[in-house]
Amino acid sequence: MARNEQRRDGLLRRKIILRTEELRGLHGHTREQPKEAAGLNIPNMETGENFPNLTLLSIICSYCKISLDEFFAPMSYLPKG
């Protein structure tokens, strides 16, 4: 794999997007509210334009007042080996 080439996992991306959408719904937030309040570009992430990294997920968790454990807890995911 080339140095600048990043591995992508479509299933993981989709699960993260669905969880983010779920959290927004639980808190009654639009896609724009997290962007305005915390600088989170949720629309770009939810459309798949940007793949979220751990820093972004940590900011999302902080914004939603949950831990990373709570973010990932409802997901069942086994990466393909």
PDB file of N, CA and C in Angstrom:
ATOM      1  N   MET A   1       0.838  -1.166   0.000  1.00  0.00           N
ATOM      2  CA  MET A   1       0.000   0.000   0.000  1.00  0.00           C
ATOM      3  C   MET A   1       0.889   1.237   0.000  1.00  0.00           C
ATOM      4  N   ALA A   2       0.595   2.192  -0.849  1.00  0.00           N
ATOM      5  CA  ALA A   2       1.356   3.432  -0.928  1.00  0.00           C
ATOM      6  C   ALA A   2       1.226   4.210   0.372  1.00  0.00           C
ATOM      7  N   ARG A   3       2.230   4.994   0.673  1.00  0.00           N
ATOM      8  CA  ARG A   3       2.270   5.736   1.934  1.00  0.00           C
ATOM      9  C   ARG A   3       1.064   6.654   2.110  1.00  0.00           C
ATOM     10  N   ASN A   4       0.625   7.350   1.081  1.00  0.00           N
ATOM     11  CA  ASN A   4      -0.476   8.297   1.182  1.00  0.00           C
ATOM     12  C   ASN A   4      -1.841   7.636   1.032  1.00  0.00           C
ATOM     13  N   GLU A   5      -1.845   6.379   0.649  1.00  0.00           N
ATOM     14  CA  GLU A   5      -3.099   5.671   0.451  1.00  0.00           C
ATOM     15  C   GLU A   5      -3.618   5.165   1.801  1.00  0.00           C
ATOM     16  N   GLN A   6      -4.891   5.451   2.089  1.00  0.00           N
ATOM     17  CA  GLN A   6      -5.471   5.012   3.341  1.00  0.00           C
ATOM     18  C   GLN A   6      -6.429   3.861   3.108  1.00  0.00           C
ATOM     19  N   ARG A   7      -6.446   2.940   4.055  1.00  0.00           N
ATOM     20  CA  ARG A   7      -7.407   1.844   3.990  1.00  0.00           C
ATOM     21  C   ARG A   7      -8.760   2.358   4.434  1.00  0.00           C
ATOM     22  N   ARG A   8      -9.788   1.902   3.780  1.00  0.00           N
ATOM     23  CA  ARG A   8     -11.147   2.298   4.122  1.00  0.00           C
ATOM     24  C   ARG A   8     -11.964   1.050   4.394  1.00  0.00           C
ATOM     25  N   ASP A   9     -12.862   1.151   5.332  1.00  0.00           N
ATOM     26  CA  ASP A   9     -13.752   0.052   5.674  1.00  0.00           C
ATOM     27  C   ASP A   9     -15.175   0.585   5.553  1.00  0.00           C
ATOM     28  N   GLY A  10     -15.833   0.233   4.471  1.00  0.00           N
ATOM     29  CA  GLY A  10     -17.173   0.738   4.194  1.00  0.00           C
ATOM     30  C   GLY A  10     -18.191   0.353   5.248  1.00  0.00           C
ATOM     31  N   LEU A  11     -18.104  -0.867   5.770  1.00  0.00           N
ATOM     32  CA  LEU A  11     -19.049  -1.316   6.791  1.00  0.00           C
ATOM     33  C   LEU A  11     -18.877  -0.509   8.077  1.00  0.00           C
ATOM     34  N   LEU A  12     -17.645  -0.320   8.508  1.00  0.00           N
ATOM     35  CA  LEU A  12     -17.386   0.463   9.708  1.00  0.00           C
ATOM     36  C   LEU A  12     -17.852   1.901   9.511  1.00  0.00           C
ATOM     37  N   ARG A  13     -17.558   2.470   8.360  1.00  0.00           N
ATOM     38  CA  ARG A  13     -17.996   3.839   8.061  1.00  0.00           C
ATOM     39  C   ARG A  13     -19.511   3.945   8.187  1.00  0.00           C
ATOM     40  N   ARG A  14     -20.226   3.003   7.608  1.00  0.00           N
ATOM     41  CA  ARG A  14     -21.688   3.035   7.642  1.00  0.00           C
ATOM     42  C   ARG A  14     -22.218   2.917   9.070  1.00  0.00           C
ATOM     43  N   LYS A  15     -21.605   2.047   9.869  1.00  0.00           N
ATOM     44  CA  LYS A  15     -22.024   1.892  11.262  1.00  0.00           C
ATOM     45  C   LYS A  15     -21.785   3.174  12.062  1.00  0.00           C
ATOM     46  N   ILE A  16     -20.667   3.842  11.821  1.00  0.00           N
ATOM     47  CA  ILE A  16     -20.367   5.105  12.506  1.00  0.00           C
ATOM     48  C   ILE A  16     -21.358   6.180  12.078  1.00  0.00           C
ATOM     49  N   ILE A  17     -21.651   6.242  10.791  1.00  0.00           N
ATOM     50  CA  ILE A  17     -22.622   7.225  10.287  1.00  0.00           C
ATOM     51  C   ILE A  17     -23.989   6.978  10.915  1.00  0.00           C
ATOM     52  N   LEU A  18     -24.431   5.721  10.933  1.00  0.00           N
ATOM     53  CA  LEU A  18     -25.729   5.401  11.520  1.00  0.00           C
ATOM     54  C   LEU A  18     -25.777   5.753  13.004  1.00  0.00           C
ATOM     55  N   ARG A  19     -24.692   5.494  13.725  1.00  0.00           N
ATOM     56  CA  ARG A  19     -24.646   5.814  15.153  1.00  0.00           C
ATOM     57  C   ARG A  19     -24.682   7.324  15.366  1.00  0.00           C
ATOM     58  N   THR A  20     -23.976   8.069  14.537  1.00  0.00           N
ATOM     59  CA  THR A  20     -23.986   9.527  14.640  1.00  0.00           C
ATOM     60  C   THR A  20     -25.378  10.069  14.368  1.00  0.00           C
ATOM     61  N   GLU A  21     -26.028   9.538  13.335  1.00  0.00           N
ATOM     62  CA  GLU A  21     -27.398   9.956  13.026  1.00  0.00           C
ATOM     63  C   GLU A  21     -28.332   9.631  14.187  1.00  0.00           C
ATOM     64  N   GLU A  22     -28.148   8.443  14.783  1.00  0.00           N
ATOM     65  CA  GLU A  22     -28.965   8.037  15.913  1.00  0.00           C
ATOM     66  C   GLU A  22     -28.792   9.005  17.086  1.00  0.00           C
ATOM     67  N   LEU A  23     -27.559   9.356  17.400  1.00  0.00           N
ATOM     68  CA  LEU A  23     -27.293  10.274  18.506  1.00  0.00           C
ATOM     69  C   LEU A  23     -27.878  11.656  18.233  1.00  0.00           C
ATOM     70  N   ARG A  24     -27.745  12.116  16.998  1.00  0.00           N
ATOM     71  CA  ARG A  24     -28.344  13.418  16.656  1.00  0.00           C
ATOM     72  C   ARG A  24     -29.844  13.378  16.890  1.00  0.00           C
ATOM     73  N   GLY A  25     -30.476  12.294  16.473  1.00  0.00           N
ATOM     74  CA  GLY A  25     -31.918  12.147  16.657  1.00  0.00           C
ATOM     75  C   GLY A  25     -32.317  12.104  18.121  1.00  0.00           C
ATOM     76  N   LEU A  26     -31.550  11.367  18.923  1.00  0.00           N
ATOM     77  CA  LEU A  26     -31.842  11.275  20.354  1.00  0.00           C
ATOM     78  C   LEU A  26     -31.757  12.631  21.042  1.00  0.00           C
ATOM     79  N   HIS A  27     -30.841  13.463  20.567  1.00  0.00           N
ATOM     80  CA  HIS A  27     -30.641  14.783  21.165  1.00  0.00           C
ATOM     81  C   HIS A  27     -31.434  15.878  20.449  1.00  0.00           C
ATOM     82  N   GLY A  28     -32.121  15.508  19.361  1.00  0.00           N
ATOM     83  CA  GLY A  28     -32.920  16.486  18.625  1.00  0.00           C
ATOM     84  C   GLY A  28     -32.094  17.514  17.870  1.00  0.00           C
ATOM     85  N   HIS A  29     -30.898  17.129  17.434  1.00  0.00           N
ATOM     86  CA  HIS A  29     -30.020  18.051  16.712  1.00  0.00           C
ATOM     87  C   HIS A  29     -30.163  17.872  15.205  1.00  0.00           C
ATOM     88  N   THR A  30     -30.058  18.967  14.493  1.00  0.00           N
ATOM     89  CA  THR A  30     -29.962  18.909  13.041  1.00  0.00           C
ATOM     90  C   THR A  30     -28.509  18.637  12.683  1.00  0.00           C
ATOM     91  N   ARG A  31     -28.224  18.455  11.416  1.00  0.00           N
ATOM     92  CA  ARG A  31     -26.826  18.282  10.993  1.00  0.00           C
ATOM     93  C   ARG A  31     -26.024  19.557  11.208  1.00  0.00           C
ATOM     94  N   GLU A  32     -26.685  20.688  11.156  1.00  0.00           N
ATOM     95  CA  GLU A  32     -25.979  21.967  11.267  1.00  0.00           C
ATOM     96  C   GLU A  32     -25.655  22.368  12.696  1.00  0.00           C
ATOM     97  N   GLN A  33     -26.448  21.951  13.663  1.00  0.00           N
ATOM     98  CA  GLN A  33     -26.209  22.360  15.052  1.00  0.00           C
ATOM     99  C   GLN A  33     -24.843  21.934  15.579  1.00  0.00           C
ATOM    100  N   PRO A  34     -24.404  20.681  15.385  1.00  0.00           N
ATOM    101  CA  PRO A  34     -23.059  20.321  15.859  1.00  0.00           C
ATOM    102  C   PRO A  34     -21.955  21.103  15.141  1.00  0.00           C
ATOM    103  N   LYS A  35     -22.184  21.429  13.876  1.00  0.00           N
ATOM    104  CA  LYS A  35     -21.193  22.195  13.120  1.00  0.00           C
ATOM    105  C   LYS A  35     -21.044  23.590  13.718  1.00  0.00           C
ATOM    106  N   GLU A  36     -22.169  24.212  14.025  1.00  0.00           N
ATOM    107  CA  GLU A  36     -22.139  25.561  14.586  1.00  0.00           C
ATOM    108  C   GLU A  36     -21.593  25.576  16.009  1.00  0.00           C
ATOM    109  N   ALA A  37     -21.972  24.589  16.814  1.00  0.00           N
ATOM    110  CA  ALA A  37     -21.598  24.576  18.229  1.00  0.00           C
ATOM    111  C   ALA A  37     -20.189  24.049  18.484  1.00  0.00           C
ATOM    112  N   ALA A  38     -19.775  23.036  17.738  1.00  0.00           N
ATOM    113  CA  ALA A  38     -18.497  22.374  18.033  1.00  0.00           C
ATOM    114  C   ALA A  38     -17.560  22.283  16.832  1.00  0.00           C
ATOM    115  N   GLY A  39     -17.941  22.865  15.707  1.00  0.00           N
ATOM    116  CA  GLY A  39     -17.091  22.806  14.523  1.00  0.00           C
ATOM    117  C   GLY A  39     -17.072  21.443  13.866  1.00  0.00           C
ATOM    118  N   LEU A  40     -18.104  20.639  14.114  1.00  0.00           N
ATOM    119  CA  LEU A  40     -18.170  19.294  13.551  1.00  0.00           C
ATOM    120  C   LEU A  40     -18.846  19.339  12.190  1.00  0.00           C
ATOM    121  N   ASN A  41     -18.170  18.837  11.182  1.00  0.00           N
ATOM    122  CA  ASN A  41     -18.747  18.826   9.845  1.00  0.00           C
ATOM    123  C   ASN A  41     -19.513  17.522   9.643  1.00  0.00           C
ATOM    124  N   ILE A  42     -20.642  17.423  10.336  1.00  0.00           N
ATOM    125  CA  ILE A  42     -21.465  16.226  10.305  1.00  0.00           C
ATOM    126  C   ILE A  42     -21.994  15.931   8.897  1.00  0.00           C
ATOM    127  N   PRO A  43     -22.448  16.950   8.151  1.00  0.00           N
ATOM    128  CA  PRO A  43     -22.948  16.631   6.804  1.00  0.00           C
ATOM    129  C   PRO A  43     -21.914  15.912   5.937  1.00  0.00           C
ATOM    130  N   ASN A  44     -20.673  16.354   5.964  1.00  0.00           N
ATOM    131  CA  ASN A  44     -19.631  15.705   5.157  1.00  0.00           C
ATOM    132  C   ASN A  44     -19.355  14.288   5.634  1.00  0.00           C
ATOM    133  N   MET A  45     -19.461  14.058   6.928  1.00  0.00           N
ATOM    134  CA  MET A  45     -19.229  12.724   7.451  1.00  0.00           C
ATOM    135  C   MET A  45     -20.409  11.811   7.113  1.00  0.00           C
ATOM    136  N   GLU A  46     -21.621  12.305   7.325  1.00  0.00           N
ATOM    137  CA  GLU A  46     -22.799  11.467   7.102  1.00  0.00           C
ATOM    138  C   GLU A  46     -23.035  11.144   5.630  1.00  0.00           C
ATOM    139  N   THR A  47     -22.542  11.971   4.736  1.00  0.00           N
ATOM    140  CA  THR A  47     -22.666  11.661   3.318  1.00  0.00           C
ATOM    141  C   THR A  47     -21.529  10.766   2.836  1.00  0.00           C
ATOM    142  N   GLY A  48     -20.558  10.494   3.717  1.00  0.00           N
ATOM    143  CA  GLY A  48     -19.442   9.634   3.366  1.00  0.00           C
ATOM    144  C   GLY A  48     -18.289  10.366   2.714  1.00  0.00           C
ATOM    145  N   GLU A  49     -18.378  11.692   2.624  1.00  0.00           N
ATOM    146  CA  GLU A  49     -17.302  12.479   2.014  1.00  0.00           C
ATOM    147  C   GLU A  49     -16.028  12.424   2.855  1.00  0.00           C
ATOM    148  N   ASN A  50     -16.199  12.477   4.174  1.00  0.00           N
ATOM    149  CA  ASN A  50     -15.065  12.400   5.096  1.00  0.00           C
ATOM    150  C   ASN A  50     -15.225  11.180   5.986  1.00  0.00           C
ATOM    151  N   PHE A  51     -14.123  10.460   6.198  1.00  0.00           N
ATOM    152  CA  PHE A  51     -14.138   9.323   7.116  1.00  0.00           C
ATOM    153  C   PHE A  51     -13.731   9.837   8.487  1.00  0.00           C
ATOM    154  N   PRO A  52     -14.559   9.620   9.516  1.00  0.00           N
ATOM    155  CA  PRO A  52     -14.230  10.165  10.836  1.00  0.00           C
ATOM    156  C   PRO A  52     -13.031   9.478  11.463  1.00  0.00           C
ATOM    157  N   ASN A  53     -12.170  10.277  12.083  1.00  0.00           N
ATOM    158  CA  ASN A  53     -11.048   9.706  12.827  1.00  0.00           C
ATOM    159  C   ASN A  53     -11.400   9.722  14.312  1.00  0.00           C
ATOM    160  N   LEU A  54     -10.540   9.191  15.145  1.00  0.00           N
ATOM    161  CA  LEU A  54     -10.835   9.119  16.575  1.00  0.00           C
ATOM    162  C   LEU A  54     -10.981  10.485  17.219  1.00  0.00           C
ATOM    163  N   THR A  55     -10.248  11.462  16.742  1.00  0.00           N
ATOM    164  CA  THR A  55     -10.380  12.812  17.292  1.00  0.00           C
ATOM    165  C   THR A  55     -11.785  13.346  17.032  1.00  0.00           C
ATOM    166  N   LEU A  56     -12.276  13.179  15.815  1.00  0.00           N
ATOM    167  CA  LEU A  56     -13.625  13.626  15.484  1.00  0.00           C
ATOM    168  C   LEU A  56     -14.661  12.870  16.307  1.00  0.00           C
ATOM    169  N   LEU A  57     -14.492  11.563  16.440  1.00  0.00           N
ATOM    170  CA  LEU A  57     -15.430  10.782  17.243  1.00  0.00           C
ATOM    171  C   LEU A  57     -15.400  11.220  18.701  1.00  0.00           C
ATOM    172  N   SER A  58     -14.233  11.555  19.203  1.00  0.00           N
ATOM    173  CA  SER A  58     -14.111  12.037  20.574  1.00  0.00           C
ATOM    174  C   SER A  58     -14.852  13.362  20.744  1.00  0.00           C
ATOM    175  N   ILE A  59     -14.765  14.243  19.766  1.00  0.00           N
ATOM    176  CA  ILE A  59     -15.472  15.525  19.817  1.00  0.00           C
ATOM    177  C   ILE A  59     -16.980  15.293  19.750  1.00  0.00           C
ATOM    178  N   ILE A  60     -17.411  14.369  18.896  1.00  0.00           N
ATOM    179  CA  ILE A  60     -18.833  14.028  18.819  1.00  0.00           C
ATOM    180  C   ILE A  60     -19.313  13.524  20.177  1.00  0.00           C
ATOM    181  N   CYS A  61     -18.533  12.636  20.785  1.00  0.00           N
ATOM    182  CA  CYS A  61     -18.907  12.094  22.087  1.00  0.00           C
ATOM    183  C   CYS A  61     -18.981  13.195  23.142  1.00  0.00           C
ATOM    184  N   SER A  62     -18.023  14.071  23.132  1.00  0.00           N
ATOM    185  CA  SER A  62     -18.027  15.183  24.077  1.00  0.00           C
ATOM    186  C   SER A  62     -19.262  16.056  23.857  1.00  0.00           C
ATOM    187  N   TYR A  63     -19.575  16.338  22.620  1.00  0.00           N
ATOM    188  CA  TYR A  63     -20.741  17.149  22.274  1.00  0.00           C
ATOM    189  C   TYR A  63     -22.027  16.481  22.758  1.00  0.00           C
ATOM    190  N   CYS A  64     -22.104  15.158  22.628  1.00  0.00           N
ATOM    191  CA  CYS A  64     -23.300  14.401  23.044  1.00  0.00           C
ATOM    192  C   CYS A  64     -23.243  13.980  24.511  1.00  0.00           C
ATOM    193  N   LYS A  65     -22.125  14.313  25.179  1.00  0.00           N
ATOM    194  CA  LYS A  65     -21.933  13.973  26.593  1.00  0.00           C
ATOM    195  C   LYS A  65     -21.993  12.465  26.844  1.00  0.00           C
ATOM    196  N   ILE A  66     -21.266  11.741  25.995  1.00  0.00           N
ATOM    197  CA  ILE A  66     -21.123  10.298  26.166  1.00  0.00           C
ATOM    198  C   ILE A  66     -19.650   9.935  26.020  1.00  0.00           C
ATOM    199  N   SER A  67     -19.299   8.731  26.425  1.00  0.00           N
ATOM    200  CA  SER A  67     -17.919   8.249  26.267  1.00  0.00           C
ATOM    201  C   SER A  67     -17.779   7.541  24.912  1.00  0.00           C
ATOM    202  N   LEU A  68     -16.542   7.311  24.517  1.00  0.00           N
ATOM    203  CA  LEU A  68     -16.309   6.523  23.307  1.00  0.00           C
ATOM    204  C   LEU A  68     -16.881   5.121  23.481  1.00  0.00           C
ATOM    205  N   ASP A  69     -16.774   4.578  24.685  1.00  0.00           N
ATOM    206  CA  ASP A  69     -17.374   3.262  24.960  1.00  0.00           C
ATOM    207  C   ASP A  69     -18.863   3.279  24.670  1.00  0.00           C
ATOM    208  N   GLU A  70     -19.541   4.328  25.126  1.00  0.00           N
ATOM    209  CA  GLU A  70     -20.980   4.437  24.886  1.00  0.00           C
ATOM    210  C   GLU A  70     -21.294   4.617  23.401  1.00  0.00           C
ATOM    211  N   PHE A  71     -20.409   5.305  22.687  1.00  0.00           N
ATOM    212  CA  PHE A  71     -20.612   5.487  21.251  1.00  0.00           C
ATOM    213  C   PHE A  71     -20.587   4.134  20.538  1.00  0.00           C
ATOM    214  N   PHE A  72     -19.580   3.330  20.861  1.00  0.00           N
ATOM    215  CA  PHE A  72     -19.393   2.059  20.155  1.00  0.00           C
ATOM    216  C   PHE A  72     -20.198   0.897  20.736  1.00  0.00           C
ATOM    217  N   ALA A  73     -20.722   1.027  21.972  1.00  0.00           N
ATOM    218  CA  ALA A  73     -21.390  -0.081  22.653  1.00  0.00           C
ATOM    219  C   ALA A  73     -22.486  -0.754  21.827  1.00  0.00           C
ATOM    220  N   PRO A  74     -23.370  -0.022  21.144  1.00  0.00           N
ATOM    221  CA  PRO A  74     -24.445  -0.712  20.429  1.00  0.00           C
ATOM    222  C   PRO A  74     -24.005  -1.346  19.111  1.00  0.00           C
ATOM    223  N   MET A  75     -22.791  -1.141  18.707  1.00  0.00           N
ATOM    224  CA  MET A  75     -22.330  -1.675  17.415  1.00  0.00           C
ATOM    225  C   MET A  75     -21.795  -3.092  17.590  1.00  0.00           C
ATOM    226  N   SER A  76     -22.158  -3.930  16.661  1.00  0.00           N
ATOM    227  CA  SER A  76     -21.489  -5.230  16.579  1.00  0.00           C
ATOM    228  C   SER A  76     -20.702  -5.209  15.271  1.00  0.00           C
ATOM    229  N   TYR A  77     -19.405  -5.384  15.419  1.00  0.00           N
ATOM    230  CA  TYR A  77     -18.533  -5.259  14.233  1.00  0.00           C
ATOM    231  C   TYR A  77     -17.333  -6.149  14.401  1.00  0.00           C
ATOM    232  N   LEU A  78     -17.119  -6.998  13.441  1.00  0.00           N
ATOM    233  CA  LEU A  78     -15.912  -7.819  13.384  1.00  0.00           C
ATOM    234  C   LEU A  78     -15.212  -7.494  12.068  1.00  0.00           C
ATOM    235  N   PRO A  79     -14.035  -6.869  12.136  1.00  0.00           N
ATOM    236  CA  PRO A  79     -13.331  -6.553  10.899  1.00  0.00           C
ATOM    237  C   PRO A  79     -12.931  -7.828  10.153  1.00  0.00           C
ATOM    238  N   LYS A  80     -12.962  -7.720   8.840  1.00  0.00           N
ATOM    239  CA  LYS A  80     -12.541  -8.861   8.022  1.00  0.00           C
ATOM    240  C   LYS A  80     -11.034  -8.966   8.063  1.00  0.00           C
ATOM    241  N   GLY A  81     -10.550 -10.152   8.230  1.00  0.00           N
ATOM    242  CA  GLY A  81      -9.113 -10.348   8.381  1.00  0.00           C
ATOM    243  C   GLY A  81      -8.452 -10.827   7.212  1.00  0.00           C
TER     244      GLY A  81
END
